[in-house]
Amino acid sequence: MPRYGNDMIDTTMPITDLESLEQELGTALARADSEAVTVVPILRHVLSNEDNSLFGDEIVARIRGMVRHIAVQLLDRLEAGENDGVPSEHPAERVASLSDLLIESEALVRHLHALALETQLCARLHIRFGSDPVLTPLLQAQIASSDPDLAALAMRFLAAQARHGQSQRRMKLPLLELPGDHLHHALLALRALVEESSSAAGETAAQGIRRDYEEASTRLGLASLLLARMGADAAEALRIDHAGAALFVSALEIGAGLDRDSAVLATHETQAARLALALRSAGMKPALVREQCLALHPELDFPEQFDALGPDRAAALLASGSSVHGY
């Protein structure tokens, strides 16, 4: 993503009271909104036109890799139905055509972009804190829990997170790891590809995929189940150096009422106001909000007056940017 600087608010303007702080946070959030709404349209253009000038090569390559992998898996399912269960090598043009149909879904592109950002965030945390992207201190504690169901769930999430890391290193994404809405978009793309030539085979493939799909068993589904099982202890997941990126983002989604892709975007330096407001609206104390924001963005100018902002008011300010909910 492009870099725009890392002031959470305009520090050239003095803040004297809570009302002016809220005005400045509102301005910062509007600025973050205007940047966020351009992300997916520009990214779709980049993916379609081989132009990486506005996005890092790693992000674009990772998204392209995931799109292509999803396309190949869909074609595998399609051709398995056509060729007695044995998929063949797919022509490059067919993979490219299905990939183009996939990126017509803004929601799917947004999700893949968020996954790529999350992978970058894991790498940053590893460099800054030495954090293991898979076995974090919080997850280790849940695995050691005296509650056998919680421990088993934590182990399942650990395995899912390890598999996800391996897939991301290969710039791939298993089809059945997509959230349900995005899997639906992928199946619509497959249907559009085969609408005239092999619609029956396309429907058979789609039915098989739906039959095999279980959203609660995906990595993101397991993260949500784990946090729910942790109860009040799930607040610990809002400490990013303790919980790691995956559980932190899922906890932010739950605590602040953001969708998960927006919660990932909130960790980017251009979205610091959104992150601070989301953490405060989730009930985190101001000092801890400051600590988490500075852990991610050490050079951030964080206003002292933020301490006076209550969770309800933070939630109201955050909701004022709902026009880009889901960016």
C-alpha atoms as a PDB file:
ATOM      1  CA  MET A   1       0.000   0.000   0.000  1.00  0.00           C
ATOM      2  CA  PRO A   2       1.152   3.575  -0.488  1.00  0.00           C
ATOM      3  CA  ARG A   3       2.576   5.400   2.493  1.00  0.00           C
ATOM      4  CA  TYR A   4       0.955   8.649   3.578  1.00  0.00           C
ATOM      5  CA  GLY A   5       2.736   9.455   6.825  1.00  0.00           C
ATOM      6  CA  ASN A   6       1.911   8.316  10.335  1.00  0.00           C
ATOM      7  CA  ASP A   7       0.305  11.159  12.282  1.00  0.00           C
ATOM      8  CA  MET A   8      -2.892   9.910  13.878  1.00  0.00           C
ATOM      9  CA  ILE A   9      -4.131  13.503  13.950  1.00  0.00           C
ATOM     10  CA  ASP A  10      -2.881  16.811  12.620  1.00  0.00           C
ATOM     11  CA  THR A  11      -0.378  17.731  15.327  1.00  0.00           C
ATOM     12  CA  THR A  12       0.075  21.235  13.937  1.00  0.00           C
ATOM     13  CA  MET A  13      -3.306  22.128  15.439  1.00  0.00           C
ATOM     14  CA  PRO A  14      -3.417  22.389  19.239  1.00  0.00           C
ATOM     15  CA  ILE A  15      -5.936  20.223  21.088  1.00  0.00           C
ATOM     16  CA  THR A  16      -7.277  21.888  24.197  1.00  0.00           C
ATOM     17  CA  ASP A  17     -10.315  19.846  25.179  1.00  0.00           C
ATOM     18  CA  LEU A  18     -12.289  16.703  24.474  1.00  0.00           C
ATOM     19  CA  GLU A  19     -14.550  18.377  21.915  1.00  0.00           C
ATOM     20  CA  SER A  20     -11.635  19.517  19.777  1.00  0.00           C
ATOM     21  CA  LEU A  21     -10.000  16.101  20.182  1.00  0.00           C
ATOM     22  CA  GLU A  22     -13.143  14.469  18.822  1.00  0.00           C
ATOM     23  CA  GLN A  23     -13.152  16.913  15.910  1.00  0.00           C
ATOM     24  CA  GLU A  24      -9.549  16.049  15.124  1.00  0.00           C
ATOM     25  CA  LEU A  25     -10.197  12.306  15.426  1.00  0.00           C
ATOM     26  CA  GLY A  26     -13.210  12.718  13.149  1.00  0.00           C
ATOM     27  CA  THR A  27     -11.037  14.529  10.609  1.00  0.00           C
ATOM     28  CA  ALA A  28      -8.373  11.816  10.874  1.00  0.00           C
ATOM     29  CA  LEU A  29     -11.002   9.112  10.438  1.00  0.00           C
ATOM     30  CA  ALA A  30     -12.443  10.875   7.378  1.00  0.00           C
ATOM     31  CA  ARG A  31      -8.931  11.070   5.937  1.00  0.00           C
ATOM     32  CA  ALA A  32      -8.458   7.357   6.639  1.00  0.00           C
ATOM     33  CA  ASP A  33     -11.851   6.658   5.033  1.00  0.00           C
ATOM     34  CA  SER A  34     -10.910   8.526   1.859  1.00  0.00           C
ATOM     35  CA  GLU A  35      -7.730   6.477   1.594  1.00  0.00           C
ATOM     36  CA  ALA A  36      -9.469   3.186   2.406  1.00  0.00           C
ATOM     37  CA  VAL A  37     -12.219   3.510  -0.212  1.00  0.00           C
ATOM     38  CA  THR A  38      -9.625   3.746  -2.991  1.00  0.00           C
ATOM     39  CA  VAL A  39      -7.815   0.540  -2.006  1.00  0.00           C
ATOM     40  CA  VAL A  40      -9.933  -2.103  -3.739  1.00  0.00           C
ATOM     41  CA  PRO A  41     -10.678  -0.210  -6.999  1.00  0.00           C
ATOM     42  CA  ILE A  42      -6.989   0.611  -7.449  1.00  0.00           C
ATOM     43  CA  LEU A  43      -5.971  -2.908  -6.490  1.00  0.00           C
ATOM     44  CA  ARG A  44      -8.381  -4.438  -9.013  1.00  0.00           C
ATOM     45  CA  HIS A  45      -6.845  -2.173 -11.668  1.00  0.00           C
ATOM     46  CA  VAL A  46      -3.358  -3.250 -10.620  1.00  0.00           C
ATOM     47  CA  LEU A  47      -4.285  -6.941 -10.739  1.00  0.00           C
ATOM     48  CA  SER A  48      -5.782  -6.521 -14.190  1.00  0.00           C
ATOM     49  CA  ASN A  49      -3.055  -4.362 -15.721  1.00  0.00           C
ATOM     50  CA  GLU A  50       0.272  -5.564 -14.293  1.00  0.00           C
ATOM     51  CA  ASP A  51       0.819  -2.133 -12.744  1.00  0.00           C
ATOM     52  CA  ASN A  52       2.434  -2.317  -9.290  1.00  0.00           C
ATOM     53  CA  SER A  53       3.314   1.345  -8.929  1.00  0.00           C
ATOM     54  CA  LEU A  54       0.864   2.069  -6.097  1.00  0.00           C
ATOM     55  CA  PHE A  55       1.180  -1.209  -4.167  1.00  0.00           C
ATOM     56  CA  GLY A  56       4.154  -3.161  -2.933  1.00  0.00           C
ATOM     57  CA  ASP A  57       5.275  -5.978  -5.198  1.00  0.00           C
ATOM     58  CA  GLU A  58       4.884  -8.501  -2.376  1.00  0.00           C
ATOM     59  CA  ILE A  59       1.233  -7.614  -1.721  1.00  0.00           C
ATOM     60  CA  VAL A  60       0.308  -7.729  -5.401  1.00  0.00           C
ATOM     61  CA  ALA A  61       2.203 -10.976  -6.030  1.00  0.00           C
ATOM     62  CA  ARG A  62       0.596 -12.626  -3.017  1.00  0.00           C
ATOM     63  CA  ILE A  63      -2.927 -11.622  -4.077  1.00  0.00           C
ATOM     64  CA  ARG A  64      -2.296 -12.721  -7.662  1.00  0.00           C
ATOM     65  CA  GLY A  65      -1.003 -16.043  -6.373  1.00  0.00           C
ATOM     66  CA  MET A  66      -4.078 -16.586  -4.202  1.00  0.00           C
ATOM     67  CA  VAL A  67      -6.464 -15.646  -7.025  1.00  0.00           C
ATOM     68  CA  ARG A  68      -4.734 -18.062  -9.399  1.00  0.00           C
ATOM     69  CA  HIS A  69      -4.739 -20.844  -6.782  1.00  0.00           C
ATOM     70  CA  ILE A  70      -8.473 -20.393  -6.175  1.00  0.00           C
ATOM     71  CA  ALA A  71      -9.071 -20.500  -9.933  1.00  0.00           C
ATOM     72  CA  VAL A  72      -7.043 -23.710 -10.314  1.00  0.00           C
ATOM     73  CA  GLN A  73      -8.903 -25.387  -7.436  1.00  0.00           C
ATOM     74  CA  LEU A  74     -12.270 -24.456  -8.957  1.00  0.00           C
ATOM     75  CA  LEU A  75     -11.184 -25.854 -12.311  1.00  0.00           C
ATOM     76  CA  ASP A  76      -9.896 -29.003 -10.586  1.00  0.00           C
ATOM     77  CA  ARG A  77     -13.360 -29.532  -9.123  1.00  0.00           C
ATOM     78  CA  LEU A  78     -15.020 -28.814 -12.439  1.00  0.00           C
ATOM     79  CA  GLU A  79     -12.837 -31.143 -14.470  1.00  0.00           C
ATOM     80  CA  ALA A  80     -12.967 -33.891 -11.845  1.00  0.00           C
ATOM     81  CA  GLY A  81     -16.692 -34.027 -12.507  1.00  0.00           C
ATOM     82  CA  GLU A  82     -16.181 -34.020 -16.258  1.00  0.00           C
ATOM     83  CA  ASN A  83     -13.316 -36.553 -16.390  1.00  0.00           C
ATOM     84  CA  ASP A  84     -14.364 -39.253 -13.917  1.00  0.00           C
ATOM     85  CA  GLY A  85     -12.670 -37.681 -10.924  1.00  0.00           C
ATOM     86  CA  VAL A  86      -9.275 -36.999 -12.534  1.00  0.00           C
ATOM     87  CA  PRO A  87      -8.557 -33.281 -13.096  1.00  0.00           C
ATOM     88  CA  SER A  88      -6.163 -32.496 -15.921  1.00  0.00           C
ATOM     89  CA  GLU A  89      -3.686 -29.682 -16.474  1.00  0.00           C
ATOM     90  CA  HIS A  90      -5.591 -26.478 -17.157  1.00  0.00           C
ATOM     91  CA  PRO A  91      -4.822 -24.247 -20.138  1.00  0.00           C
ATOM     92  CA  ALA A  92      -3.255 -20.978 -19.008  1.00  0.00           C
ATOM     93  CA  GLU A  93      -5.936 -18.997 -20.843  1.00  0.00           C
ATOM     94  CA  ARG A  94      -8.713 -20.784 -18.919  1.00  0.00           C
ATOM     95  CA  VAL A  95      -7.027 -20.118 -15.578  1.00  0.00           C
ATOM     96  CA  ALA A  96      -6.547 -16.472 -16.570  1.00  0.00           C
ATOM     97  CA  SER A  97     -10.193 -16.129 -17.640  1.00  0.00           C
ATOM     98  CA  LEU A  98     -11.462 -17.505 -14.341  1.00  0.00           C
ATOM     99  CA  SER A  99      -8.969 -15.338 -12.423  1.00  0.00           C
ATOM    100  CA  ASP A 100     -10.362 -12.270 -14.209  1.00  0.00           C
ATOM    101  CA  LEU A 101     -13.883 -13.276 -13.218  1.00  0.00           C
ATOM    102  CA  LEU A 102     -12.796 -13.760  -9.602  1.00  0.00           C
ATOM    103  CA  ILE A 103     -11.330 -10.265  -9.287  1.00  0.00           C
ATOM    104  CA  GLU A 104     -14.606  -8.771 -10.481  1.00  0.00           C
ATOM    105  CA  SER A 105     -15.764  -9.382  -6.896  1.00  0.00           C
ATOM    106  CA  GLU A 106     -14.642  -6.393  -4.838  1.00  0.00           C
ATOM    107  CA  ALA A 107     -15.455  -8.289  -1.650  1.00  0.00           C
ATOM    108  CA  LEU A 108     -13.182 -11.187  -2.594  1.00  0.00           C
ATOM    109  CA  VAL A 109     -10.318  -8.895  -3.621  1.00  0.00           C
ATOM    110  CA  ARG A 110     -10.737  -6.992  -0.341  1.00  0.00           C
ATOM    111  CA  HIS A 111     -10.495 -10.239   1.615  1.00  0.00           C
ATOM    112  CA  LEU A 112      -7.378 -11.425  -0.207  1.00  0.00           C
ATOM    113  CA  HIS A 113      -5.804  -8.014   0.309  1.00  0.00           C
ATOM    114  CA  ALA A 114      -6.545  -8.272   4.030  1.00  0.00           C
ATOM    115  CA  LEU A 115      -4.931 -11.730   4.168  1.00  0.00           C
ATOM    116  CA  ALA A 116      -1.834 -10.352   2.454  1.00  0.00           C
ATOM    117  CA  LEU A 117      -1.700  -7.444   4.932  1.00  0.00           C
ATOM    118  CA  GLU A 118      -2.120  -9.871   7.827  1.00  0.00           C
ATOM    119  CA  THR A 119       0.846 -11.889   6.560  1.00  0.00           C
ATOM    120  CA  GLN A 120       2.923  -8.709   6.382  1.00  0.00           C
ATOM    121  CA  LEU A 121       1.817  -7.842   9.910  1.00  0.00           C
ATOM    122  CA  CYS A 122       2.972 -11.252  11.182  1.00  0.00           C
ATOM    123  CA  ALA A 123       6.378 -10.607   9.644  1.00  0.00           C
ATOM    124  CA  ARG A 124       6.593  -7.147  11.247  1.00  0.00           C
ATOM    125  CA  LEU A 125       5.698  -8.544  14.674  1.00  0.00           C
ATOM    126  CA  HIS A 126       8.327 -11.241  14.293  1.00  0.00           C
ATOM    127  CA  ILE A 127      10.972  -8.627  13.520  1.00  0.00           C
ATOM    128  CA  ARG A 128       9.867  -6.223  16.263  1.00  0.00           C
ATOM    129  CA  PHE A 129       9.066  -8.623  19.097  1.00  0.00           C
ATOM    130  CA  GLY A 130      10.448 -11.960  17.957  1.00  0.00           C
ATOM    131  CA  SER A 131       6.837 -13.203  17.927  1.00  0.00           C
ATOM    132  CA  ASP A 132       6.135 -16.670  16.602  1.00  0.00           C
ATOM    133  CA  PRO A 133       3.305 -16.216  14.049  1.00  0.00           C
ATOM    134  CA  VAL A 134       1.842 -19.602  15.020  1.00  0.00           C
ATOM    135  CA  LEU A 135       2.494 -20.464  18.677  1.00  0.00           C
ATOM    136  CA  THR A 136       1.931 -17.152  20.478  1.00  0.00           C
ATOM    137  CA  PRO A 137       2.020 -16.770  24.280  1.00  0.00           C
ATOM    138  CA  LEU A 138      -1.774 -16.460  24.407  1.00  0.00           C
ATOM    139  CA  LEU A 139      -2.316 -19.569  22.319  1.00  0.00           C
ATOM    140  CA  GLN A 140       0.241 -21.488  24.354  1.00  0.00           C
ATOM    141  CA  ALA A 141      -1.710 -20.620  27.510  1.00  0.00           C
ATOM    142  CA  GLN A 142      -4.973 -21.873  25.973  1.00  0.00           C
ATOM    143  CA  ILE A 143      -3.370 -25.145  24.888  1.00  0.00           C
ATOM    144  CA  ALA A 144      -2.270 -25.643  28.494  1.00  0.00           C
ATOM    145  CA  SER A 145      -5.786 -24.884  29.803  1.00  0.00           C
ATOM    146  CA  SER A 146      -7.399 -27.228  32.321  1.00  0.00           C
ATOM    147  CA  ASP A 147     -10.546 -27.017  30.174  1.00  0.00           C
ATOM    148  CA  PRO A 148     -10.067 -29.927  27.729  1.00  0.00           C
ATOM    149  CA  ASP A 149     -12.490 -28.494  25.163  1.00  0.00           C
ATOM    150  CA  LEU A 150     -10.692 -25.137  25.167  1.00  0.00           C
ATOM    151  CA  ALA A 151      -7.306 -26.850  24.902  1.00  0.00           C
ATOM    152  CA  ALA A 152      -8.513 -28.997  21.990  1.00  0.00           C
ATOM    153  CA  LEU A 153      -9.940 -25.958  20.206  1.00  0.00           C
ATOM    154  CA  ALA A 154      -6.662 -24.095  20.703  1.00  0.00           C
ATOM    155  CA  MET A 155      -4.769 -27.028  19.186  1.00  0.00           C
ATOM    156  CA  ARG A 156      -7.076 -27.036  16.169  1.00  0.00           C
ATOM    157  CA  PHE A 157      -6.511 -23.331  15.662  1.00  0.00           C
ATOM    158  CA  LEU A 158      -2.746 -23.817  16.051  1.00  0.00           C
ATOM    159  CA  ALA A 159      -2.794 -26.413  13.252  1.00  0.00           C
ATOM    160  CA  ALA A 160      -4.950 -24.177  11.055  1.00  0.00           C
ATOM    161  CA  GLN A 161      -2.656 -21.204  11.616  1.00  0.00           C
ATOM    162  CA  ALA A 162       0.399 -23.302  10.758  1.00  0.00           C
ATOM    163  CA  ARG A 163      -1.250 -24.484   7.527  1.00  0.00           C
ATOM    164  CA  HIS A 164      -2.205 -20.904   6.690  1.00  0.00           C
ATOM    165  CA  GLY A 165       1.378 -19.753   7.136  1.00  0.00           C
ATOM    166  CA  GLN A 166       2.607 -22.463   4.786  1.00  0.00           C
ATOM    167  CA  SER A 167      -0.030 -21.526   2.201  1.00  0.00           C
ATOM    168  CA  GLN A 168       0.886 -17.848   2.415  1.00  0.00           C
ATOM    169  CA  ARG A 169       4.557 -18.609   1.914  1.00  0.00           C
ATOM    170  CA  ARG A 170       3.535 -20.355  -1.305  1.00  0.00           C
ATOM    171  CA  MET A 171       1.171 -17.484  -2.160  1.00  0.00           C
ATOM    172  CA  LYS A 172      -1.797 -19.867  -2.110  1.00  0.00           C
ATOM    173  CA  LEU A 173      -5.135 -20.116  -0.340  1.00  0.00           C
ATOM    174  CA  PRO A 174      -7.179 -23.334   0.011  1.00  0.00           C
ATOM    175  CA  LEU A 175     -10.597 -22.830  -1.527  1.00  0.00           C
ATOM    176  CA  LEU A 176     -12.410 -24.218   1.528  1.00  0.00           C
ATOM    177  CA  GLU A 177     -10.669 -21.673   3.788  1.00  0.00           C
ATOM    178  CA  LEU A 178     -12.643 -18.818   2.254  1.00  0.00           C
ATOM    179  CA  PRO A 179     -15.416 -17.294   4.379  1.00  0.00           C
ATOM    180  CA  GLY A 180     -18.842 -18.357   3.155  1.00  0.00           C
ATOM    181  CA  ASP A 181     -19.718 -15.106   1.366  1.00  0.00           C
ATOM    182  CA  HIS A 182     -16.446 -15.117  -0.555  1.00  0.00           C
ATOM    183  CA  LEU A 183     -16.770 -18.788  -1.448  1.00  0.00           C
ATOM    184  CA  HIS A 184     -20.169 -17.897  -2.897  1.00  0.00           C
ATOM    185  CA  HIS A 185     -18.530 -15.205  -5.070  1.00  0.00           C
ATOM    186  CA  ALA A 186     -15.976 -17.769  -6.238  1.00  0.00           C
ATOM    187  CA  LEU A 187     -18.747 -20.200  -7.227  1.00  0.00           C
ATOM    188  CA  LEU A 188     -20.537 -17.430  -9.113  1.00  0.00           C
ATOM    189  CA  ALA A 189     -17.330 -16.801 -11.067  1.00  0.00           C
ATOM    190  CA  LEU A 190     -17.102 -20.504 -11.902  1.00  0.00           C
ATOM    191  CA  ARG A 191     -20.728 -20.500 -13.037  1.00  0.00           C
ATOM    192  CA  ALA A 192     -20.070 -17.486 -15.279  1.00  0.00           C
ATOM    193  CA  LEU A 193     -17.127 -19.296 -16.858  1.00  0.00           C
ATOM    194  CA  VAL A 194     -19.053 -22.461 -17.689  1.00  0.00           C
ATOM    195  CA  GLU A 195     -22.532 -21.019 -18.172  1.00  0.00           C
ATOM    196  CA  GLU A 196     -22.848 -22.135 -21.789  1.00  0.00           C
ATOM    197  CA  SER A 197     -20.258 -24.868 -22.292  1.00  0.00           C
ATOM    198  CA  SER A 198     -20.743 -27.144 -19.286  1.00  0.00           C
ATOM    199  CA  SER A 199     -23.363 -25.742 -16.933  1.00  0.00           C
ATOM    200  CA  ALA A 200     -24.325 -29.175 -15.567  1.00  0.00           C
ATOM    201  CA  ALA A 201     -20.719 -29.959 -14.659  1.00  0.00           C
ATOM    202  CA  GLY A 202     -20.398 -26.515 -13.088  1.00  0.00           C
ATOM    203  CA  GLU A 203     -23.436 -27.102 -10.879  1.00  0.00           C
ATOM    204  CA  THR A 204     -22.147 -30.536  -9.895  1.00  0.00           C
ATOM    205  CA  ALA A 205     -18.795 -29.018  -8.927  1.00  0.00           C
ATOM    206  CA  ALA A 206     -20.493 -26.249  -6.944  1.00  0.00           C
ATOM    207  CA  GLN A 207     -22.673 -28.745  -5.076  1.00  0.00           C
ATOM    208  CA  GLY A 208     -19.624 -30.820  -4.175  1.00  0.00           C
ATOM    209  CA  ILE A 209     -17.775 -27.774  -2.869  1.00  0.00           C
ATOM    210  CA  ARG A 210     -20.757 -26.707  -0.766  1.00  0.00           C
ATOM    211  CA  ARG A 211     -21.091 -30.239   0.609  1.00  0.00           C
ATOM    212  CA  ASP A 212     -17.436 -30.295   1.688  1.00  0.00           C
ATOM    213  CA  TYR A 213     -17.497 -26.797   3.173  1.00  0.00           C
ATOM    214  CA  GLU A 214     -17.707 -26.129   6.920  1.00  0.00           C
ATOM    215  CA  GLU A 215     -17.076 -22.515   7.843  1.00  0.00           C
ATOM    216  CA  ALA A 216     -16.613 -23.241  11.545  1.00  0.00           C
ATOM    217  CA  SER A 217     -13.614 -25.426  10.661  1.00  0.00           C
ATOM    218  CA  THR A 218     -11.803 -22.709   8.709  1.00  0.00           C
ATOM    219  CA  ARG A 219      -8.948 -20.841  10.357  1.00  0.00           C
ATOM    220  CA  LEU A 220     -11.098 -17.751  10.835  1.00  0.00           C
ATOM    221  CA  GLY A 221     -14.026 -19.800  12.083  1.00  0.00           C
ATOM    222  CA  LEU A 222     -11.794 -21.520  14.630  1.00  0.00           C
ATOM    223  CA  ALA A 223     -10.397 -18.155  15.769  1.00  0.00           C
ATOM    224  CA  SER A 224     -13.926 -16.915  16.486  1.00  0.00           C
ATOM    225  CA  LEU A 225     -14.863 -20.119  18.307  1.00  0.00           C
ATOM    226  CA  LEU A 226     -11.689 -19.990  20.376  1.00  0.00           C
ATOM    227  CA  LEU A 227     -12.260 -16.394  21.454  1.00  0.00           C
ATOM    228  CA  ALA A 228     -15.874 -17.163  22.327  1.00  0.00           C
ATOM    229  CA  ARG A 229     -14.784 -20.177  24.405  1.00  0.00           C
ATOM    230  CA  MET A 230     -12.220 -18.026  26.252  1.00  0.00           C
ATOM    231  CA  GLY A 231     -14.986 -15.780  27.581  1.00  0.00           C
ATOM    232  CA  ALA A 232     -13.708 -12.772  29.508  1.00  0.00           C
ATOM    233  CA  ASP A 233     -10.123 -13.915  28.949  1.00  0.00           C
ATOM    234  CA  ALA A 234     -10.564 -13.077  25.261  1.00  0.00           C
ATOM    235  CA  ALA A 235      -9.732  -9.465  26.167  1.00  0.00           C
ATOM    236  CA  GLU A 236      -6.118 -10.665  26.357  1.00  0.00           C
ATOM    237  CA  ALA A 237      -6.248 -11.145  22.590  1.00  0.00           C
ATOM    238  CA  LEU A 238      -6.298  -7.356  22.155  1.00  0.00           C
ATOM    239  CA  ARG A 239      -2.624  -7.293  23.176  1.00  0.00           C
ATOM    240  CA  ILE A 240      -1.005  -7.866  19.821  1.00  0.00           C
ATOM    241  CA  ASP A 241       2.454  -8.846  21.091  1.00  0.00           C
ATOM    242  CA  HIS A 242       0.805 -11.444  23.341  1.00  0.00           C
ATOM    243  CA  ALA A 243      -1.893 -12.788  21.013  1.00  0.00           C
ATOM    244  CA  GLY A 244      -0.262 -12.477  17.600  1.00  0.00           C
ATOM    245  CA  ALA A 245      -1.807 -10.914  14.527  1.00  0.00           C
ATOM    246  CA  ALA A 246      -4.488 -13.512  13.761  1.00  0.00           C
ATOM    247  CA  LEU A 247      -6.204 -13.582  17.162  1.00  0.00           C
ATOM    248  CA  PHE A 248      -5.664  -9.841  17.690  1.00  0.00           C
ATOM    249  CA  VAL A 249      -7.505  -9.008  14.488  1.00  0.00           C
ATOM    250  CA  SER A 250     -10.323 -11.459  15.235  1.00  0.00           C
ATOM    251  CA  ALA A 251     -10.675 -10.004  18.746  1.00  0.00           C
ATOM    252  CA  LEU A 252     -10.785  -6.487  17.283  1.00  0.00           C
ATOM    253  CA  GLU A 253     -13.499  -7.639  14.879  1.00  0.00           C
ATOM    254  CA  ILE A 254     -15.604  -8.940  17.770  1.00  0.00           C
ATOM    255  CA  GLY A 255     -14.860  -6.197  20.290  1.00  0.00           C
ATOM    256  CA  ALA A 256     -15.273  -3.202  17.987  1.00  0.00           C
ATOM    257  CA  GLY A 257     -17.946  -4.578  15.655  1.00  0.00           C
ATOM    258  CA  LEU A 258     -15.764  -4.246  12.559  1.00  0.00           C
ATOM    259  CA  ASP A 259     -15.722  -6.865   9.856  1.00  0.00           C
ATOM    260  CA  ARG A 260     -12.442  -8.762  10.001  1.00  0.00           C
ATOM    261  CA  ASP A 261     -11.018  -7.363   6.761  1.00  0.00           C
ATOM    262  CA  SER A 262     -11.531  -3.816   8.061  1.00  0.00           C
ATOM    263  CA  ALA A 263      -9.937  -4.848  11.359  1.00  0.00           C
ATOM    264  CA  VAL A 264      -6.842  -5.970   9.439  1.00  0.00           C
ATOM    265  CA  LEU A 265      -6.745  -2.694   7.514  1.00  0.00           C
ATOM    266  CA  ALA A 266      -6.959  -0.789  10.808  1.00  0.00           C
ATOM    267  CA  THR A 267      -3.478  -2.051  11.692  1.00  0.00           C
ATOM    268  CA  HIS A 268      -1.982  -0.192   8.717  1.00  0.00           C
ATOM    269  CA  GLU A 269      -0.194   3.056   9.512  1.00  0.00           C
ATOM    270  CA  THR A 270      -2.649   5.131   7.443  1.00  0.00           C
ATOM    271  CA  GLN A 271      -5.516   3.879   9.636  1.00  0.00           C
ATOM    272  CA  ALA A 272      -4.111   4.648  13.107  1.00  0.00           C
ATOM    273  CA  ALA A 273      -7.137   6.725  14.123  1.00  0.00           C
ATOM    274  CA  ARG A 274      -9.436   3.817  13.283  1.00  0.00           C
ATOM    275  CA  LEU A 275      -7.275   1.410  15.283  1.00  0.00           C
ATOM    276  CA  ALA A 276      -7.237   3.659  18.350  1.00  0.00           C
ATOM    277  CA  LEU A 277     -10.998   4.198  18.232  1.00  0.00           C
ATOM    278  CA  ALA A 278     -11.661   0.497  17.648  1.00  0.00           C
ATOM    279  CA  LEU A 279      -9.548  -0.543  20.636  1.00  0.00           C
ATOM    280  CA  ARG A 280     -11.167   2.081  22.866  1.00  0.00           C
ATOM    281  CA  SER A 281     -14.678   1.118  21.726  1.00  0.00           C
ATOM    282  CA  ALA A 282     -13.802  -2.509  22.567  1.00  0.00           C
ATOM    283  CA  GLY A 283     -13.325  -1.350  26.172  1.00  0.00           C
ATOM    284  CA  MET A 284      -9.536  -1.171  26.319  1.00  0.00           C
ATOM    285  CA  LYS A 285      -8.152   1.407  28.762  1.00  0.00           C
ATOM    286  CA  PRO A 286      -6.563   4.470  27.124  1.00  0.00           C
ATOM    287  CA  ALA A 287      -3.056   3.648  28.349  1.00  0.00           C
ATOM    288  CA  LEU A 288      -3.297   0.184  26.787  1.00  0.00           C
ATOM    289  CA  VAL A 289      -4.728   1.636  23.566  1.00  0.00           C
ATOM    290  CA  ARG A 290      -1.700   3.901  23.369  1.00  0.00           C
ATOM    291  CA  GLU A 291       0.583   0.953  24.074  1.00  0.00           C
ATOM    292  CA  GLN A 292      -0.905  -1.166  21.291  1.00  0.00           C
ATOM    293  CA  CYS A 293      -0.889   1.662  18.744  1.00  0.00           C
ATOM    294  CA  LEU A 294       2.724   2.524  19.523  1.00  0.00           C
ATOM    295  CA  ALA A 295       3.696  -1.153  19.388  1.00  0.00           C
ATOM    296  CA  LEU A 296       2.566  -1.163  15.768  1.00  0.00           C
ATOM    297  CA  HIS A 297       3.612   2.380  14.882  1.00  0.00           C
ATOM    298  CA  PRO A 298       6.440   3.559  17.178  1.00  0.00           C
ATOM    299  CA  GLU A 299       6.646   7.002  15.556  1.00  0.00           C
ATOM    300  CA  LEU A 300       2.946   7.743  15.931  1.00  0.00           C
ATOM    301  CA  ASP A 301       1.971  11.094  17.449  1.00  0.00           C
ATOM    302  CA  PHE A 302      -0.589  10.028  20.042  1.00  0.00           C
ATOM    303  CA  PRO A 303      -2.623  12.819  21.738  1.00  0.00           C
ATOM    304  CA  GLU A 304      -2.575  12.865  25.540  1.00  0.00           C
ATOM    305  CA  GLN A 305      -6.191  14.039  25.542  1.00  0.00           C
ATOM    306  CA  PHE A 306      -7.244  10.645  24.191  1.00  0.00           C
ATOM    307  CA  ASP A 307      -7.460   9.460  27.816  1.00  0.00           C
ATOM    308  CA  ALA A 308     -10.676  11.466  28.223  1.00  0.00           C
ATOM    309  CA  LEU A 309     -12.451   9.644  25.382  1.00  0.00           C
ATOM    310  CA  GLY A 310     -14.902   7.020  26.664  1.00  0.00           C
ATOM    311  CA  PRO A 311     -15.730   3.702  24.924  1.00  0.00           C
ATOM    312  CA  ASP A 312     -19.225   4.806  23.895  1.00  0.00           C
ATOM    313  CA  ARG A 313     -17.983   8.019  22.323  1.00  0.00           C
ATOM    314  CA  ALA A 314     -15.173   6.128  20.582  1.00  0.00           C
ATOM    315  CA  ALA A 315     -17.752   3.698  19.175  1.00  0.00           C
ATOM    316  CA  ALA A 316     -19.888   6.598  17.935  1.00  0.00           C
ATOM    317  CA  LEU A 317     -16.904   8.199  16.197  1.00  0.00           C
ATOM    318  CA  LEU A 318     -15.941   4.854  14.693  1.00  0.00           C
ATOM    319  CA  ALA A 319     -19.494   4.390  13.401  1.00  0.00           C
ATOM    320  CA  SER A 320     -19.270   7.781  11.701  1.00  0.00           C
ATOM    321  CA  GLY A 321     -16.827   6.163   9.293  1.00  0.00           C
ATOM    322  CA  SER A 322     -19.198   3.306   8.505  1.00  0.00           C
ATOM    323  CA  SER A 323     -19.448   4.424   4.895  1.00  0.00           C
ATOM    324  CA  VAL A 324     -16.291   2.413   4.333  1.00  0.00           C
ATOM    325  CA  HIS A 325     -17.284  -0.435   6.622  1.00  0.00           C
ATOM    326  CA  GLY A 326     -15.586  -3.284   4.867  1.00  0.00           C
ATOM    327  CA  TYR A 327     -13.518  -0.672   2.996  1.00  0.00           C
END
